[in-house]
Amino acid sequence: MAVTVSRKAHFNAAHRLYNKEWSDAKNKEVFGLCNNPNYHGHNYDLIVSLTGEVDVETGFVYDMKLLKEIICEKVEKNLDHKNLNLDVPYFKEINPTAENIVIFIWNILRTEFPKHLKLEVRLYETPRNFVTYSA
């Protein structure tokens, strides 16, 4: 029987949505306020979930203390209070939409957990707008 364990985390970051191949007018039309050339910020909430069988010896799907430490080290420390466009090399060429950010986080975290555990990452850009990625 599979069980899912989840950890909620938080980081603040700025970004600008922009396609360098488009005109300023088209960028403004498509991305609206998120295209502000001076950037804008979000208070992101993140939920990382691991699904798998409960270990008979520990009673855990995954040690929540380790989950907390990995999220802090790999995500929060690298994204918190950063300008994603300028401070995170990955986003120098990739538009830092919520969709691309959640995929970026998932790819970082996937290498940290055993392959037999299903990983799902949910990123809230606002309390009402969120994206979820799992593969």
C-alpha atoms as a PDB file:
ATOM      1  CA  MET A   1       0.000   0.000   0.000  1.00  0.00           C
ATOM      2  CA  ALA A   2       1.522   3.325  -1.102  1.00  0.00           C
ATOM      3  CA  VAL A   3       1.581   6.317   1.210  1.00  0.00           C
ATOM      4  CA  THR A   4       2.466   9.919   0.334  1.00  0.00           C
ATOM      5  CA  VAL A   5       4.493  12.125   2.657  1.00  0.00           C
ATOM      6  CA  SER A   6       4.761  15.858   1.996  1.00  0.00           C
ATOM      7  CA  ARG A   7       6.809  18.794   3.202  1.00  0.00           C
ATOM      8  CA  LYS A   8       5.851  22.428   2.730  1.00  0.00           C
ATOM      9  CA  ALA A   9       8.562  25.040   2.177  1.00  0.00           C
ATOM     10  CA  HIS A  10       8.741  28.700   1.228  1.00  0.00           C
ATOM     11  CA  PHE A  11      10.982  31.091  -0.680  1.00  0.00           C
ATOM     12  CA  ASN A  12      10.759  34.633  -2.010  1.00  0.00           C
ATOM     13  CA  ALA A  13      12.088  35.435  -5.456  1.00  0.00           C
ATOM     14  CA  ALA A  14      11.830  38.005  -8.224  1.00  0.00           C
ATOM     15  CA  HIS A  15      11.536  37.365 -11.939  1.00  0.00           C
ATOM     16  CA  ARG A  16      10.556  38.833 -15.275  1.00  0.00           C
ATOM     17  CA  LEU A  17       8.702  36.884 -17.918  1.00  0.00           C
ATOM     18  CA  TYR A  18      10.207  37.784 -21.267  1.00  0.00           C
ATOM     19  CA  ASN A  19      10.917  36.199 -24.632  1.00  0.00           C
ATOM     20  CA  LYS A  20      13.980  37.857 -26.154  1.00  0.00           C
ATOM     21  CA  GLU A  21      12.821  36.830 -29.649  1.00  0.00           C
ATOM     22  CA  TRP A  22       9.674  38.958 -29.338  1.00  0.00           C
ATOM     23  CA  SER A  23       9.084  42.694 -29.507  1.00  0.00           C
ATOM     24  CA  ASP A  24       8.469  44.651 -26.317  1.00  0.00           C
ATOM     25  CA  ALA A  25       4.845  45.053 -27.406  1.00  0.00           C
ATOM     26  CA  LYS A  26       4.303  41.308 -27.828  1.00  0.00           C
ATOM     27  CA  ASN A  27       6.029  40.557 -24.507  1.00  0.00           C
ATOM     28  CA  LYS A  28       3.760  43.069 -22.777  1.00  0.00           C
ATOM     29  CA  GLU A  29       0.695  41.641 -24.519  1.00  0.00           C
ATOM     30  CA  VAL A  30       1.477  38.023 -23.566  1.00  0.00           C
ATOM     31  CA  PHE A  31       3.037  38.448 -20.120  1.00  0.00           C
ATOM     32  CA  GLY A  32       1.332  41.651 -18.912  1.00  0.00           C
ATOM     33  CA  LEU A  33       2.499  42.872 -15.510  1.00  0.00           C
ATOM     34  CA  CYS A  34       4.871  39.906 -15.249  1.00  0.00           C
ATOM     35  CA  ASN A  35       6.916  41.498 -18.049  1.00  0.00           C
ATOM     36  CA  ASN A  36       7.947  44.471 -15.903  1.00  0.00           C
ATOM     37  CA  PRO A  37      11.539  45.324 -16.973  1.00  0.00           C
ATOM     38  CA  ASN A  38      12.323  46.085 -13.317  1.00  0.00           C
ATOM     39  CA  TYR A  39      11.138  42.609 -12.286  1.00  0.00           C
ATOM     40  CA  HIS A  40       8.539  41.703  -9.679  1.00  0.00           C
ATOM     41  CA  GLY A  41       8.435  39.225  -6.827  1.00  0.00           C
ATOM     42  CA  HIS A  42       6.429  36.375  -5.407  1.00  0.00           C
ATOM     43  CA  ASN A  43       6.213  34.645  -2.062  1.00  0.00           C
ATOM     44  CA  TYR A  44       6.379  31.081  -3.353  1.00  0.00           C
ATOM     45  CA  ASP A  45       5.071  28.129  -1.395  1.00  0.00           C
ATOM     46  CA  LEU A  46       6.347  24.712  -2.308  1.00  0.00           C
ATOM     47  CA  ILE A  47       5.026  21.270  -1.459  1.00  0.00           C
ATOM     48  CA  VAL A  48       7.317  18.321  -2.097  1.00  0.00           C
ATOM     49  CA  SER A  49       5.678  14.899  -1.930  1.00  0.00           C
ATOM     50  CA  LEU A  50       7.171  11.420  -1.996  1.00  0.00           C
ATOM     51  CA  THR A  51       5.010   8.358  -2.540  1.00  0.00           C
ATOM     52  CA  GLY A  52       6.051   4.809  -1.811  1.00  0.00           C
ATOM     53  CA  GLU A  53       5.701   1.832   0.445  1.00  0.00           C
ATOM     54  CA  VAL A  54       6.130   2.194   4.203  1.00  0.00           C
ATOM     55  CA  ASP A  55       9.457   0.714   5.294  1.00  0.00           C
ATOM     56  CA  VAL A  56       8.842  -2.175   7.703  1.00  0.00           C
ATOM     57  CA  GLU A  57      11.841  -1.336   9.904  1.00  0.00           C
ATOM     58  CA  THR A  58      11.429   2.453  10.215  1.00  0.00           C
ATOM     59  CA  GLY A  59       7.731   2.951   9.590  1.00  0.00           C
ATOM     60  CA  PHE A  60       8.685   5.744   7.162  1.00  0.00           C
ATOM     61  CA  VAL A  61       8.118   6.258   3.469  1.00  0.00           C
ATOM     62  CA  TYR A  62      10.985   8.742   3.806  1.00  0.00           C
ATOM     63  CA  ASP A  63      12.523  10.439   6.836  1.00  0.00           C
ATOM     64  CA  MET A  64      10.784  13.844   7.076  1.00  0.00           C
ATOM     65  CA  LYS A  65      13.832  15.388   8.760  1.00  0.00           C
ATOM     66  CA  LEU A  66      15.956  14.467   5.746  1.00  0.00           C
ATOM     67  CA  LEU A  67      13.251  15.724   3.398  1.00  0.00           C
ATOM     68  CA  LYS A  68      13.285  19.081   5.194  1.00  0.00           C
ATOM     69  CA  GLU A  69      17.098  19.309   5.031  1.00  0.00           C
ATOM     70  CA  ILE A  70      17.250  18.465   1.320  1.00  0.00           C
ATOM     71  CA  ILE A  71      14.576  21.018   0.394  1.00  0.00           C
ATOM     72  CA  CYS A  72      16.334  23.694   2.443  1.00  0.00           C
ATOM     73  CA  GLU A  73      19.775  22.948   0.997  1.00  0.00           C
ATOM     74  CA  LYS A  74      18.841  22.318  -2.630  1.00  0.00           C
ATOM     75  CA  VAL A  75      15.902  24.680  -3.149  1.00  0.00           C
ATOM     76  CA  GLU A  76      15.459  27.353  -0.501  1.00  0.00           C
ATOM     77  CA  LYS A  77      19.133  28.311  -0.217  1.00  0.00           C
ATOM     78  CA  ASN A  78      19.472  28.529  -4.001  1.00  0.00           C
ATOM     79  CA  LEU A  79      16.249  30.420  -4.790  1.00  0.00           C
ATOM     80  CA  ASP A  80      15.290  32.448  -1.724  1.00  0.00           C
ATOM     81  CA  HIS A  81      15.709  36.214  -2.153  1.00  0.00           C
ATOM     82  CA  LYS A  82      17.118  35.757  -5.639  1.00  0.00           C
ATOM     83  CA  ASN A  83      16.321  37.382  -8.944  1.00  0.00           C
ATOM     84  CA  LEU A  84      15.694  34.209 -10.915  1.00  0.00           C
ATOM     85  CA  ASN A  85      16.589  35.815 -14.266  1.00  0.00           C
ATOM     86  CA  LEU A  86      19.908  37.181 -13.018  1.00  0.00           C
ATOM     87  CA  ASP A  87      21.024  34.980 -10.118  1.00  0.00           C
ATOM     88  CA  VAL A  88      20.102  31.466 -11.228  1.00  0.00           C
ATOM     89  CA  PRO A  89      22.130  30.353 -14.266  1.00  0.00           C
ATOM     90  CA  TYR A  90      19.396  27.983 -15.508  1.00  0.00           C
ATOM     91  CA  PHE A  91      17.007  30.895 -16.000  1.00  0.00           C
ATOM     92  CA  LYS A  92      19.397  32.988 -18.054  1.00  0.00           C
ATOM     93  CA  GLU A  93      18.068  31.116 -21.111  1.00  0.00           C
ATOM     94  CA  ILE A  94      14.785  29.688 -19.769  1.00  0.00           C
ATOM     95  CA  ASN A  95      11.780  31.918 -19.073  1.00  0.00           C
ATOM     96  CA  PRO A  96      11.139  31.646 -15.291  1.00  0.00           C
ATOM     97  CA  THR A  97       7.431  30.873 -15.496  1.00  0.00           C
ATOM     98  CA  ALA A  98       5.877  28.904 -12.657  1.00  0.00           C
ATOM     99  CA  GLU A  99       5.846  25.889 -14.985  1.00  0.00           C
ATOM    100  CA  ASN A 100       9.567  26.138 -15.705  1.00  0.00           C
ATOM    101  CA  ILE A 101      10.412  26.802 -12.055  1.00  0.00           C
ATOM    102  CA  VAL A 102       8.560  23.691 -10.859  1.00  0.00           C
ATOM    103  CA  ILE A 103      10.308  21.543 -13.477  1.00  0.00           C
ATOM    104  CA  PHE A 104      13.669  23.035 -12.432  1.00  0.00           C
ATOM    105  CA  ILE A 105      12.988  22.210  -8.772  1.00  0.00           C
ATOM    106  CA  TRP A 106      11.764  18.696  -9.608  1.00  0.00           C
ATOM    107  CA  ASN A 107      14.922  17.977 -11.623  1.00  0.00           C
ATOM    108  CA  ILE A 108      17.149  19.123  -8.758  1.00  0.00           C
ATOM    109  CA  LEU A 109      15.261  17.075  -6.178  1.00  0.00           C
ATOM    110  CA  ARG A 110      14.851  13.909  -8.271  1.00  0.00           C
ATOM    111  CA  THR A 111      18.555  13.134  -7.901  1.00  0.00           C
ATOM    112  CA  GLU A 112      18.298  13.322  -4.099  1.00  0.00           C
ATOM    113  CA  PHE A 113      15.723  10.594  -3.502  1.00  0.00           C
ATOM    114  CA  PRO A 114      15.633   6.854  -4.161  1.00  0.00           C
ATOM    115  CA  LYS A 115      14.221   6.059  -7.615  1.00  0.00           C
ATOM    116  CA  HIS A 116      11.509   3.806  -6.208  1.00  0.00           C
ATOM    117  CA  LEU A 117       9.803   6.838  -4.635  1.00  0.00           C
ATOM    118  CA  LYS A 118       7.473   8.885  -6.817  1.00  0.00           C
ATOM    119  CA  LEU A 119       8.295  12.602  -6.577  1.00  0.00           C
ATOM    120  CA  GLU A 120       5.698  15.317  -7.016  1.00  0.00           C
ATOM    121  CA  VAL A 121       6.410  19.038  -6.657  1.00  0.00           C
ATOM    122  CA  ARG A 122       3.665  21.646  -6.326  1.00  0.00           C
ATOM    123  CA  LEU A 123       4.608  25.327  -6.541  1.00  0.00           C
ATOM    124  CA  TYR A 124       2.257  28.098  -5.466  1.00  0.00           C
ATOM    125  CA  GLU A 125       3.096  31.411  -7.115  1.00  0.00           C
ATOM    126  CA  THR A 126       0.111  32.963  -5.353  1.00  0.00           C
ATOM    127  CA  PRO A 127      -2.442  31.360  -3.035  1.00  0.00           C
ATOM    128  CA  ARG A 128      -4.701  30.849  -6.086  1.00  0.00           C
ATOM    129  CA  ASN A 129      -2.170  30.083  -8.835  1.00  0.00           C
ATOM    130  CA  PHE A 130      -0.125  26.911  -8.633  1.00  0.00           C
ATOM    131  CA  VAL A 131       1.493  24.295 -10.827  1.00  0.00           C
ATOM    132  CA  THR A 132       2.272  20.652 -10.165  1.00  0.00           C
ATOM    133  CA  TYR A 133       4.912  18.454 -11.767  1.00  0.00           C
ATOM    134  CA  SER A 134       5.652  14.756 -11.464  1.00  0.00           C
ATOM    135  CA  ALA A 135       7.161  12.309 -13.886  1.00  0.00           C
END
